[in-house]
Amino acid sequence: MNDYITDHPILQFTHGKKVKFYFEDEELEGYENEPVAAALHAAGIRVLSFSEKRRRPRGFFCAVGKCSSCLMEVNGRQNVMVCMEPLRAGMKVRRQKGRSDDG
């Protein structure tokens, strides 16, 4: 599944080179320097985290770093806002449950 917009009447989309990264140990591809959340969304990953109290799934929401819906573990570092984190080759991305105190 690929949900990338490729044609738009006003905007032009440029992508970095394709890179491989890992989500929950599954190898995926995305474009270097795009937000990790965008690469996950394009790969069909809609649940990025779970709410702390009720464990409800959270997805790609504000995309500007103002909410906590996209907090994930990236390369062992918790509480990374993947809507703002640029994708790099070889990244290891995992869901975390709620907000970690380690971040």
PDB file of N, CA and C in Angstrom:
ATOM      1  N   MET A   1       0.845  -1.178   0.000  1.00  0.00           N
ATOM      2  CA  MET A   1       0.000   0.000   0.000  1.00  0.00           C
ATOM      3  C   MET A   1       0.891   1.241   0.000  1.00  0.00           C
ATOM      4  N   ASN A   2       0.570   2.188  -0.843  1.00  0.00           N
ATOM      5  CA  ASN A   2       1.346   3.413  -0.900  1.00  0.00           C
ATOM      6  C   ASN A   2       0.381   4.584  -0.977  1.00  0.00           C
ATOM      7  N   ASP A   3       0.338   5.385   0.080  1.00  0.00           N
ATOM      8  CA  ASP A   3      -0.592   6.499   0.150  1.00  0.00           C
ATOM      9  C   ASP A   3       0.067   7.843  -0.125  1.00  0.00           C
ATOM     10  N   TYR A   4       1.170   7.844  -0.859  1.00  0.00           N
ATOM     11  CA  TYR A   4       1.829   9.100  -1.173  1.00  0.00           C
ATOM     12  C   TYR A   4       1.045   9.850  -2.225  1.00  0.00           C
ATOM     13  N   ILE A   5       0.913  11.157  -2.030  1.00  0.00           N
ATOM     14  CA  ILE A   5       0.324  12.015  -3.056  1.00  0.00           C
ATOM     15  C   ILE A   5       1.433  12.291  -4.059  1.00  0.00           C
ATOM     16  N   THR A   6       1.173  12.038  -5.316  1.00  0.00           N
ATOM     17  CA  THR A   6       2.210  12.239  -6.328  1.00  0.00           C
ATOM     18  C   THR A   6       1.874  13.364  -7.296  1.00  0.00           C
ATOM     19  N   ASP A   7       0.595  13.728  -7.391  1.00  0.00           N
ATOM     20  CA  ASP A   7       0.200  14.760  -8.332  1.00  0.00           C
ATOM     21  C   ASP A   7      -0.770  15.710  -7.635  1.00  0.00           C
ATOM     22  N   HIS A   8      -0.491  17.011  -7.719  1.00  0.00           N
ATOM     23  CA  HIS A   8      -1.331  18.017  -7.092  1.00  0.00           C
ATOM     24  C   HIS A   8      -1.358  19.238  -7.997  1.00  0.00           C
ATOM     25  N   PRO A   9      -2.512  19.908  -8.139  1.00  0.00           N
ATOM     26  CA  PRO A   9      -2.590  21.039  -9.079  1.00  0.00           C
ATOM     27  C   PRO A   9      -1.761  22.261  -8.674  1.00  0.00           C
ATOM     28  N   ILE A  10      -1.407  22.399  -7.392  1.00  0.00           N
ATOM     29  CA  ILE A  10      -0.687  23.587  -6.939  1.00  0.00           C
ATOM     30  C   ILE A  10       0.677  23.235  -6.349  1.00  0.00           C
ATOM     31  N   LEU A  11       0.716  22.216  -5.539  1.00  0.00           N
ATOM     32  CA  LEU A  11       1.938  21.863  -4.814  1.00  0.00           C
ATOM     33  C   LEU A  11       2.825  20.926  -5.613  1.00  0.00           C
ATOM     34  N   GLN A  12       4.119  21.026  -5.364  1.00  0.00           N
ATOM     35  CA  GLN A  12       5.073  20.078  -5.944  1.00  0.00           C
ATOM     36  C   GLN A  12       5.697  19.307  -4.798  1.00  0.00           C
ATOM     37  N   PHE A  13       5.832  18.015  -4.988  1.00  0.00           N
ATOM     38  CA  PHE A  13       6.379  17.162  -3.948  1.00  0.00           C
ATOM     39  C   PHE A  13       7.726  16.621  -4.398  1.00  0.00           C
ATOM     40  N   THR A  14       8.722  16.869  -3.583  1.00  0.00           N
ATOM     41  CA  THR A  14      10.034  16.297  -3.861  1.00  0.00           C
ATOM     42  C   THR A  14      10.364  15.348  -2.722  1.00  0.00           C
ATOM     43  N   HIS A  15      11.014  14.268  -3.052  1.00  0.00           N
ATOM     44  CA  HIS A  15      11.361  13.270  -2.055  1.00  0.00           C
ATOM     45  C   HIS A  15      12.858  13.076  -2.037  1.00  0.00           C
ATOM     46  N   GLY A  16      13.369  12.739  -0.852  1.00  0.00           N
ATOM     47  CA  GLY A  16      14.753  12.315  -0.753  1.00  0.00           C
ATOM     48  C   GLY A  16      14.881  10.914  -1.328  1.00  0.00           C
ATOM     49  N   LYS A  17      16.038  10.324  -1.139  1.00  0.00           N
ATOM     50  CA  LYS A  17      16.218   8.965  -1.657  1.00  0.00           C
ATOM     51  C   LYS A  17      15.458   7.973  -0.783  1.00  0.00           C
ATOM     52  N   LYS A  18      15.066   6.850  -1.374  1.00  0.00           N
ATOM     53  CA  LYS A  18      14.372   5.809  -0.630  1.00  0.00           C
ATOM     54  C   LYS A  18      15.342   5.134   0.314  1.00  0.00           C
ATOM     55  N   VAL A  19      14.890   4.935   1.548  1.00  0.00           N
ATOM     56  CA  VAL A  19      15.710   4.263   2.552  1.00  0.00           C
ATOM     57  C   VAL A  19      14.874   3.194   3.252  1.00  0.00           C
ATOM     58  N   LYS A  20      15.564   2.222   3.800  1.00  0.00           N
ATOM     59  CA  LYS A  20      14.902   1.176   4.577  1.00  0.00           C
ATOM     60  C   LYS A  20      14.979   1.545   6.051  1.00  0.00           C
ATOM     61  N   PHE A  21      13.898   1.246   6.775  1.00  0.00           N
ATOM     62  CA  PHE A  21      13.859   1.422   8.221  1.00  0.00           C
ATOM     63  C   PHE A  21      13.005   0.305   8.796  1.00  0.00           C
ATOM     64  N   TYR A  22      12.945   0.214  10.103  1.00  0.00           N
ATOM     65  CA  TYR A  22      12.245  -0.897  10.744  1.00  0.00           C
ATOM     66  C   TYR A  22      11.172  -0.380  11.692  1.00  0.00           C
ATOM     67  N   PHE A  23       9.995  -0.964  11.571  1.00  0.00           N
ATOM     68  CA  PHE A  23       8.898  -0.682  12.481  1.00  0.00           C
ATOM     69  C   PHE A  23       8.489  -1.994  13.125  1.00  0.00           C
ATOM     70  N   GLU A  24       8.631  -2.071  14.451  1.00  0.00           N
ATOM     71  CA  GLU A  24       8.299  -3.306  15.165  1.00  0.00           C
ATOM     72  C   GLU A  24       8.986  -4.504  14.510  1.00  0.00           C
ATOM     73  N   ASP A  25      10.226  -4.350  14.118  1.00  0.00           N
ATOM     74  CA  ASP A  25      11.073  -5.379  13.496  1.00  0.00           C
ATOM     75  C   ASP A  25      10.700  -5.726  12.055  1.00  0.00           C
ATOM     76  N   GLU A  26       9.741  -5.026  11.468  1.00  0.00           N
ATOM     77  CA  GLU A  26       9.377  -5.239  10.062  1.00  0.00           C
ATOM     78  C   GLU A  26      10.102  -4.194   9.214  1.00  0.00           C
ATOM     79  N   GLU A  27      10.755  -4.648   8.152  1.00  0.00           N
ATOM     80  CA  GLU A  27      11.464  -3.719   7.272  1.00  0.00           C
ATOM     81  C   GLU A  27      10.474  -2.993   6.376  1.00  0.00           C
ATOM     82  N   LEU A  28      10.587  -1.662   6.359  1.00  0.00           N
ATOM     83  CA  LEU A  28       9.743  -0.815   5.518  1.00  0.00           C
ATOM     84  C   LEU A  28      10.637   0.134   4.731  1.00  0.00           C
ATOM     85  N   GLU A  29      10.045   0.830   3.781  1.00  0.00           N
ATOM     86  CA  GLU A  29      10.771   1.851   3.027  1.00  0.00           C
ATOM     87  C   GLU A  29      10.068   3.186   3.159  1.00  0.00           C
ATOM     88  N   GLY A  30      10.847   4.236   3.110  1.00  0.00           N
ATOM     89  CA  GLY A  30      10.322   5.591   3.122  1.00  0.00           C
ATOM     90  C   GLY A  30      11.345   6.489   2.463  1.00  0.00           C
ATOM     91  N   TYR A  31      11.049   7.777   2.463  1.00  0.00           N
ATOM     92  CA  TYR A  31      11.950   8.734   1.853  1.00  0.00           C
ATOM     93  C   TYR A  31      12.770   9.445   2.936  1.00  0.00           C
ATOM     94  N   GLU A  32      14.072   9.476   2.745  1.00  0.00           N
ATOM     95  CA  GLU A  32      14.964  10.120   3.691  1.00  0.00           C
ATOM     96  C   GLU A  32      14.521  11.556   3.962  1.00  0.00           C
ATOM     97  N   ASN A  33      14.538  11.928   5.226  1.00  0.00           N
ATOM     98  CA  ASN A  33      14.195  13.261   5.726  1.00  0.00           C
ATOM     99  C   ASN A  33      12.704  13.576   5.787  1.00  0.00           C
ATOM    100  N   GLU A  34      11.835  12.705   5.281  1.00  0.00           N
ATOM    101  CA  GLU A  34      10.414  12.943   5.497  1.00  0.00           C
ATOM    102  C   GLU A  34      10.119  12.595   6.957  1.00  0.00           C
ATOM    103  N   PRO A  35       9.055  13.121   7.547  1.00  0.00           N
ATOM    104  CA  PRO A  35       8.740  12.743   8.920  1.00  0.00           C
ATOM    105  C   PRO A  35       8.503  11.231   9.030  1.00  0.00           C
ATOM    106  N   VAL A  36       9.003  10.647  10.094  1.00  0.00           N
ATOM    107  CA  VAL A  36       8.814   9.217  10.315  1.00  0.00           C
ATOM    108  C   VAL A  36       7.328   8.878  10.267  1.00  0.00           C
ATOM    109  N   ALA A  37       6.475   9.716  10.853  1.00  0.00           N
ATOM    110  CA  ALA A  37       5.033   9.467  10.859  1.00  0.00           C
ATOM    111  C   ALA A  37       4.468   9.405   9.441  1.00  0.00           C
ATOM    112  N   ALA A  38       4.965  10.220   8.543  1.00  0.00           N
ATOM    113  CA  ALA A  38       4.492  10.198   7.154  1.00  0.00           C
ATOM    114  C   ALA A  38       4.887   8.893   6.475  1.00  0.00           C
ATOM    115  N   ALA A  39       6.100   8.418   6.735  1.00  0.00           N
ATOM    116  CA  ALA A  39       6.551   7.152   6.151  1.00  0.00           C
ATOM    117  C   ALA A  39       5.715   5.992   6.688  1.00  0.00           C
ATOM    118  N   LEU A  40       5.416   6.014   7.982  1.00  0.00           N
ATOM    119  CA  LEU A  40       4.576   4.970   8.565  1.00  0.00           C
ATOM    120  C   LEU A  40       3.174   5.012   7.977  1.00  0.00           C
ATOM    121  N   HIS A  41       2.617   6.203   7.867  1.00  0.00           N
ATOM    122  CA  HIS A  41       1.268   6.358   7.302  1.00  0.00           C
ATOM    123  C   HIS A  41       1.221   5.827   5.865  1.00  0.00           C
ATOM    124  N   ALA A  42       2.219   6.172   5.072  1.00  0.00           N
ATOM    125  CA  ALA A  42       2.269   5.712   3.683  1.00  0.00           C
ATOM    126  C   ALA A  42       2.397   4.192   3.595  1.00  0.00           C
ATOM    127  N   ALA A  43       2.990   3.587   4.624  1.00  0.00           N
ATOM    128  CA  ALA A  43       3.151   2.127   4.651  1.00  0.00           C
ATOM    129  C   ALA A  43       1.920   1.431   5.230  1.00  0.00           C
ATOM    130  N   GLY A  44       0.886   2.202   5.550  1.00  0.00           N
ATOM    131  CA  GLY A  44      -0.349   1.611   6.057  1.00  0.00           C
ATOM    132  C   GLY A  44      -0.409   1.493   7.571  1.00  0.00           C
ATOM    133  N   ILE A  45       0.573   2.027   8.275  1.00  0.00           N
ATOM    134  CA  ILE A  45       0.586   1.987   9.734  1.00  0.00           C
ATOM    135  C   ILE A  45      -0.217   3.172  10.242  1.00  0.00           C
ATOM    136  N   ARG A  46      -1.356   2.924  10.840  1.00  0.00           N
ATOM    137  CA  ARG A  46      -2.238   3.996  11.290  1.00  0.00           C
ATOM    138  C   ARG A  46      -2.198   4.200  12.808  1.00  0.00           C
ATOM    139  N   VAL A  47      -1.823   3.186  13.560  1.00  0.00           N
ATOM    140  CA  VAL A  47      -1.758   3.299  15.019  1.00  0.00           C
ATOM    141  C   VAL A  47      -0.309   3.524  15.417  1.00  0.00           C
ATOM    142  N   LEU A  48      -0.029   4.694  15.981  1.00  0.00           N
ATOM    143  CA  LEU A  48       1.329   5.049  16.376  1.00  0.00           C
ATOM    144  C   LEU A  48       1.564   4.844  17.865  1.00  0.00           C
ATOM    145  N   SER A  49       0.523   5.014  18.663  1.00  0.00           N
ATOM    146  CA  SER A  49       0.658   4.856  20.108  1.00  0.00           C
ATOM    147  C   SER A  49      -0.708   4.544  20.694  1.00  0.00           C
ATOM    148  N   PHE A  50      -0.731   4.423  22.023  1.00  0.00           N
ATOM    149  CA  PHE A  50      -1.980   4.163  22.732  1.00  0.00           C
ATOM    150  C   PHE A  50      -2.097   5.150  23.879  1.00  0.00           C
ATOM    151  N   SER A  51      -3.321   5.601  24.151  1.00  0.00           N
ATOM    152  CA  SER A  51      -3.520   6.551  25.246  1.00  0.00           C
ATOM    153  C   SER A  51      -3.161   5.897  26.573  1.00  0.00           C
ATOM    154  N   GLU A  52      -2.751   6.732  27.524  1.00  0.00           N
ATOM    155  CA  GLU A  52      -2.272   6.236  28.809  1.00  0.00           C
ATOM    156  C   GLU A  52      -3.371   5.578  29.644  1.00  0.00           C
ATOM    157  N   LYS A  53      -4.493   6.226  29.777  1.00  0.00           N
ATOM    158  CA  LYS A  53      -5.531   5.734  30.683  1.00  0.00           C
ATOM    159  C   LYS A  53      -6.370   4.603  30.095  1.00  0.00           C
ATOM    160  N   ARG A  54      -6.868   4.789  28.891  1.00  0.00           N
ATOM    161  CA  ARG A  54      -7.807   3.816  28.332  1.00  0.00           C
ATOM    162  C   ARG A  54      -7.209   2.924  27.257  1.00  0.00           C
ATOM    163  N   ARG A  55      -5.933   3.131  26.958  1.00  0.00           N
ATOM    164  CA  ARG A  55      -5.233   2.316  25.954  1.00  0.00           C
ATOM    165  C   ARG A  55      -5.910   2.362  24.586  1.00  0.00           C
ATOM    166  N   ARG A  56      -6.475   3.514  24.254  1.00  0.00           N
ATOM    167  CA  ARG A  56      -7.095   3.695  22.938  1.00  0.00           C
ATOM    168  C   ARG A  56      -6.007   4.002  21.914  1.00  0.00           C
ATOM    169  N   PRO A  57      -6.169   3.505  20.697  1.00  0.00           N
ATOM    170  CA  PRO A  57      -5.152   3.764  19.673  1.00  0.00           C
ATOM    171  C   PRO A  57      -5.110   5.237  19.272  1.00  0.00           C
ATOM    172  N   ARG A  58      -3.892   5.713  19.020  1.00  0.00           N
ATOM    173  CA  ARG A  58      -3.689   7.081  18.548  1.00  0.00           C
ATOM    174  C   ARG A  58      -2.932   7.024  17.232  1.00  0.00           C
ATOM    175  N   GLY A  59      -3.246   7.969  16.363  1.00  0.00           N
ATOM    176  CA  GLY A  59      -2.615   7.992  15.048  1.00  0.00           C
ATOM    177  C   GLY A  59      -1.957   9.320  14.760  1.00  0.00           C
ATOM    178  N   PHE A  60      -1.675   9.540  13.503  1.00  0.00           N
ATOM    179  CA  PHE A  60      -1.049  10.763  13.003  1.00  0.00           C
ATOM    180  C   PHE A  60      -2.100  11.865  13.102  1.00  0.00           C
ATOM    181  N   PHE A  61      -1.935  12.816  14.027  1.00  0.00           N
ATOM    182  CA  PHE A  61      -2.991  13.777  14.306  1.00  0.00           C
ATOM    183  C   PHE A  61      -2.636  15.200  13.892  1.00  0.00           C
ATOM    184  N   CYS A  62      -1.815  15.899  14.666  1.00  0.00           N
ATOM    185  CA  CYS A  62      -1.602  17.331  14.396  1.00  0.00           C
ATOM    186  C   CYS A  62      -0.484  17.593  13.381  1.00  0.00           C
ATOM    187  N   ALA A  63       0.517  16.744  13.363  1.00  0.00           N
ATOM    188  CA  ALA A  63       1.642  16.848  12.421  1.00  0.00           C
ATOM    189  C   ALA A  63       2.496  18.110  12.591  1.00  0.00           C
ATOM    190  N   VAL A  64       2.390  18.761  13.747  1.00  0.00           N
ATOM    191  CA  VAL A  64       3.211  19.950  14.000  1.00  0.00           C
ATOM    192  C   VAL A  64       3.852  19.939  15.388  1.00  0.00           C
ATOM    193  N   GLY A  65       3.857  18.792  16.050  1.00  0.00           N
ATOM    194  CA  GLY A  65       4.531  18.671  17.335  1.00  0.00           C
ATOM    195  C   GLY A  65       3.804  19.285  18.515  1.00  0.00           C
ATOM    196  N   LYS A  66       2.493  19.456  18.442  1.00  0.00           N
ATOM    197  CA  LYS A  66       1.743  20.083  19.534  1.00  0.00           C
ATOM    198  C   LYS A  66       0.939  19.100  20.380  1.00  0.00           C
ATOM    199  N   CYS A  67       0.794  17.883  19.934  1.00  0.00           N
ATOM    200  CA  CYS A  67       0.046  16.898  20.704  1.00  0.00           C
ATOM    201  C   CYS A  67       0.991  15.750  21.067  1.00  0.00           C
ATOM    202  N   SER A  68       0.485  14.720  21.688  1.00  0.00           N
ATOM    203  CA  SER A  68       1.339  13.586  22.049  1.00  0.00           C
ATOM    204  C   SER A  68       0.894  12.298  21.363  1.00  0.00           C
ATOM    205  N   SER A  69       0.106  12.420  20.316  1.00  0.00           N
ATOM    206  CA  SER A  69      -0.419  11.233  19.640  1.00  0.00           C
ATOM    207  C   SER A  69       0.648  10.427  18.920  1.00  0.00           C
ATOM    208  N   CYS A  70       1.749  11.036  18.593  1.00  0.00           N
ATOM    209  CA  CYS A  70       2.763  10.344  17.796  1.00  0.00           C
ATOM    210  C   CYS A  70       4.021   9.994  18.574  1.00  0.00           C
ATOM    211  N   LEU A  71       3.949   9.998  19.904  1.00  0.00           N
ATOM    212  CA  LEU A  71       5.125   9.640  20.686  1.00  0.00           C
ATOM    213  C   LEU A  71       5.480   8.176  20.451  1.00  0.00           C
ATOM    214  N   MET A  72       6.714   7.937  20.031  1.00  0.00           N
ATOM    215  CA  MET A  72       7.181   6.585  19.755  1.00  0.00           C
ATOM    216  C   MET A  72       8.612   6.431  20.234  1.00  0.00           C
ATOM    217  N   GLU A  73       9.073   5.211  20.232  1.00  0.00           N
ATOM    218  CA  GLU A  73      10.461   4.920  20.549  1.00  0.00           C
ATOM    219  C   GLU A  73      11.231   4.840  19.236  1.00  0.00           C
ATOM    220  N   VAL A  74      12.299   5.607  19.124  1.00  0.00           N
ATOM    221  CA  VAL A  74      13.122   5.624  17.912  1.00  0.00           C
ATOM    222  C   VAL A  74      14.566   5.342  18.322  1.00  0.00           C
ATOM    223  N   ASN A  75      15.107   4.265  17.789  1.00  0.00           N
ATOM    224  CA  ASN A  75      16.483   3.859  18.105  1.00  0.00           C
ATOM    225  C   ASN A  75      16.726   3.799  19.615  1.00  0.00           C
ATOM    226  N   GLY A  76      15.722   3.292  20.353  1.00  0.00           N
ATOM    227  CA  GLY A  76      15.845   3.133  21.792  1.00  0.00           C
ATOM    228  C   GLY A  76      15.518   4.368  22.603  1.00  0.00           C
ATOM    229  N   ARG A  77      15.285   5.491  21.945  1.00  0.00           N
ATOM    230  CA  ARG A  77      14.955   6.760  22.624  1.00  0.00           C
ATOM    231  C   ARG A  77      13.437   6.907  22.667  1.00  0.00           C
ATOM    232  N   GLN A  78      12.872   7.076  23.856  1.00  0.00           N
ATOM    233  CA  GLN A  78      11.422   7.176  23.991  1.00  0.00           C
ATOM    234  C   GLN A  78      10.940   8.622  23.889  1.00  0.00           C
ATOM    235  N   ASN A  79       9.632   8.762  23.716  1.00  0.00           N
ATOM    236  CA  ASN A  79       8.956  10.067  23.638  1.00  0.00           C
ATOM    237  C   ASN A  79       9.402  10.906  22.447  1.00  0.00           C
ATOM    238  N   VAL A  80       9.709  10.272  21.338  1.00  0.00           N
ATOM    239  CA  VAL A  80      10.083  10.988  20.124  1.00  0.00           C
ATOM    240  C   VAL A  80       8.803  11.332  19.363  1.00  0.00           C
ATOM    241  N   MET A  81       8.636  12.602  19.038  1.00  0.00           N
ATOM    242  CA  MET A  81       7.483  13.025  18.225  1.00  0.00           C
ATOM    243  C   MET A  81       7.815  12.717  16.769  1.00  0.00           C
ATOM    244  N   VAL A  82       7.282  11.612  16.283  1.00  0.00           N
ATOM    245  CA  VAL A  82       7.669  11.168  14.939  1.00  0.00           C
ATOM    246  C   VAL A  82       7.047  12.010  13.830  1.00  0.00           C
ATOM    247  N   CYS A  83       6.144  12.918  14.172  1.00  0.00           N
ATOM    248  CA  CYS A  83       5.639  13.846  13.152  1.00  0.00           C
ATOM    249  C   CYS A  83       6.702  14.884  12.804  1.00  0.00           C
ATOM    250  N   MET A  84       7.693  15.028  13.697  1.00  0.00           N
ATOM    251  CA  MET A  84       8.753  16.011  13.492  1.00  0.00           C
ATOM    252  C   MET A  84      10.119  15.370  13.244  1.00  0.00           C
ATOM    253  N   GLU A  85      10.239  14.085  13.493  1.00  0.00           N
ATOM    254  CA  GLU A  85      11.526  13.390  13.404  1.00  0.00           C
ATOM    255  C   GLU A  85      11.813  12.966  11.966  1.00  0.00           C
ATOM    256  N   PRO A  86      12.919  13.423  11.374  1.00  0.00           N
ATOM    257  CA  PRO A  86      13.228  13.040   9.995  1.00  0.00           C
ATOM    258  C   PRO A  86      13.657  11.576   9.892  1.00  0.00           C
ATOM    259  N   LEU A  87      13.189  10.921   8.871  1.00  0.00           N
ATOM    260  CA  LEU A  87      13.517   9.520   8.633  1.00  0.00           C
ATOM    261  C   LEU A  87      14.958   9.388   8.161  1.00  0.00           C
ATOM    262  N   ARG A  88      15.633   8.407   8.709  1.00  0.00           N
ATOM    263  CA  ARG A  88      17.007   8.077   8.335  1.00  0.00           C
ATOM    264  C   ARG A  88      17.088   6.586   8.068  1.00  0.00           C
ATOM    265  N   ALA A  89      17.998   6.195   7.225  1.00  0.00           N
ATOM    266  CA  ALA A  89      18.195   4.781   6.906  1.00  0.00           C
ATOM    267  C   ALA A  89      18.520   4.002   8.177  1.00  0.00           C
ATOM    268  N   GLY A  90      17.906   2.831   8.304  1.00  0.00           N
ATOM    269  CA  GLY A  90      18.206   1.929   9.402  1.00  0.00           C
ATOM    270  C   GLY A  90      17.520   2.235  10.714  1.00  0.00           C
ATOM    271  N   MET A  91      16.699   3.283  10.779  1.00  0.00           N
ATOM    272  CA  MET A  91      16.016   3.611  12.031  1.00  0.00           C
ATOM    273  C   MET A  91      15.196   2.436  12.528  1.00  0.00           C
ATOM    274  N   LYS A  92      15.129   2.308  13.833  1.00  0.00           N
ATOM    275  CA  LYS A  92      14.302   1.288  14.467  1.00  0.00           C
ATOM    276  C   LYS A  92      13.220   2.007  15.262  1.00  0.00           C
ATOM    277  N   VAL A  93      11.978   1.843  14.812  1.00  0.00           N
ATOM    278  CA  VAL A  93      10.836   2.550  15.381  1.00  0.00           C
ATOM    279  C   VAL A  93       9.905   1.536  16.033  1.00  0.00           C
ATOM    280  N   ARG A  94       9.468   1.854  17.247  1.00  0.00           N
ATOM    281  CA  ARG A  94       8.552   0.980  17.975  1.00  0.00           C
ATOM    282  C   ARG A  94       7.461   1.826  18.632  1.00  0.00           C
ATOM    283  N   ARG A  95       6.294   1.203  18.817  1.00  0.00           N
ATOM    284  CA  ARG A  95       5.234   1.866  19.574  1.00  0.00           C
ATOM    285  C   ARG A  95       5.618   1.863  21.049  1.00  0.00           C
ATOM    286  N   GLN A  96       5.187   2.886  21.744  1.00  0.00           N
ATOM    287  CA  GLN A  96       5.281   2.878  23.200  1.00  0.00           C
ATOM    288  C   GLN A  96       3.879   3.075  23.730  1.00  0.00           C
ATOM    289  N   LYS A  97       3.648   2.641  24.922  1.00  0.00           N
ATOM    290  CA  LYS A  97       2.302   2.748  25.502  1.00  0.00           C
ATOM    291  C   LYS A  97       2.266   3.954  26.422  1.00  0.00           C
ATOM    292  N   GLY A  98       1.522   4.975  26.032  1.00  0.00           N
ATOM    293  CA  GLY A  98       1.444   6.192  26.822  1.00  0.00           C
ATOM    294  C   GLY A  98       2.735   6.988  26.747  1.00  0.00           C
ATOM    295  N   ARG A  99       2.890   7.903  27.683  1.00  0.00           N
ATOM    296  CA  ARG A  99       4.075   8.758  27.728  1.00  0.00           C
ATOM    297  C   ARG A  99       5.052   8.144  28.722  1.00  0.00           C
ATOM    298  N   SER A 100       6.269   7.936  28.277  1.00  0.00           N
ATOM    299  CA  SER A 100       7.286   7.355  29.146  1.00  0.00           C
ATOM    300  C   SER A 100       7.911   8.441  30.009  1.00  0.00           C
ATOM    301  N   ASP A 101       8.324   8.078  31.202  1.00  0.00           N
ATOM    302  CA  ASP A 101       9.036   9.017  32.068  1.00  0.00           C
ATOM    303  C   ASP A 101      10.516   9.083  31.727  1.00  0.00           C
ATOM    304  N   ASP A 102      10.961   8.210  30.799  1.00  0.00           N
ATOM    305  CA  ASP A 102      12.376   8.136  30.443  1.00  0.00           C
ATOM    306  C   ASP A 102      12.803   9.174  29.420  1.00  0.00           C
ATOM    307  N   GLY A 103      11.850   9.894  28.793  1.00  0.00           N
ATOM    308  CA  GLY A 103      12.159  10.734  27.677  1.00  0.00           C
ATOM    309  C   GLY A 103      12.630  12.080  27.991  1.00  0.00           C
TER     310      GLY A 103
END
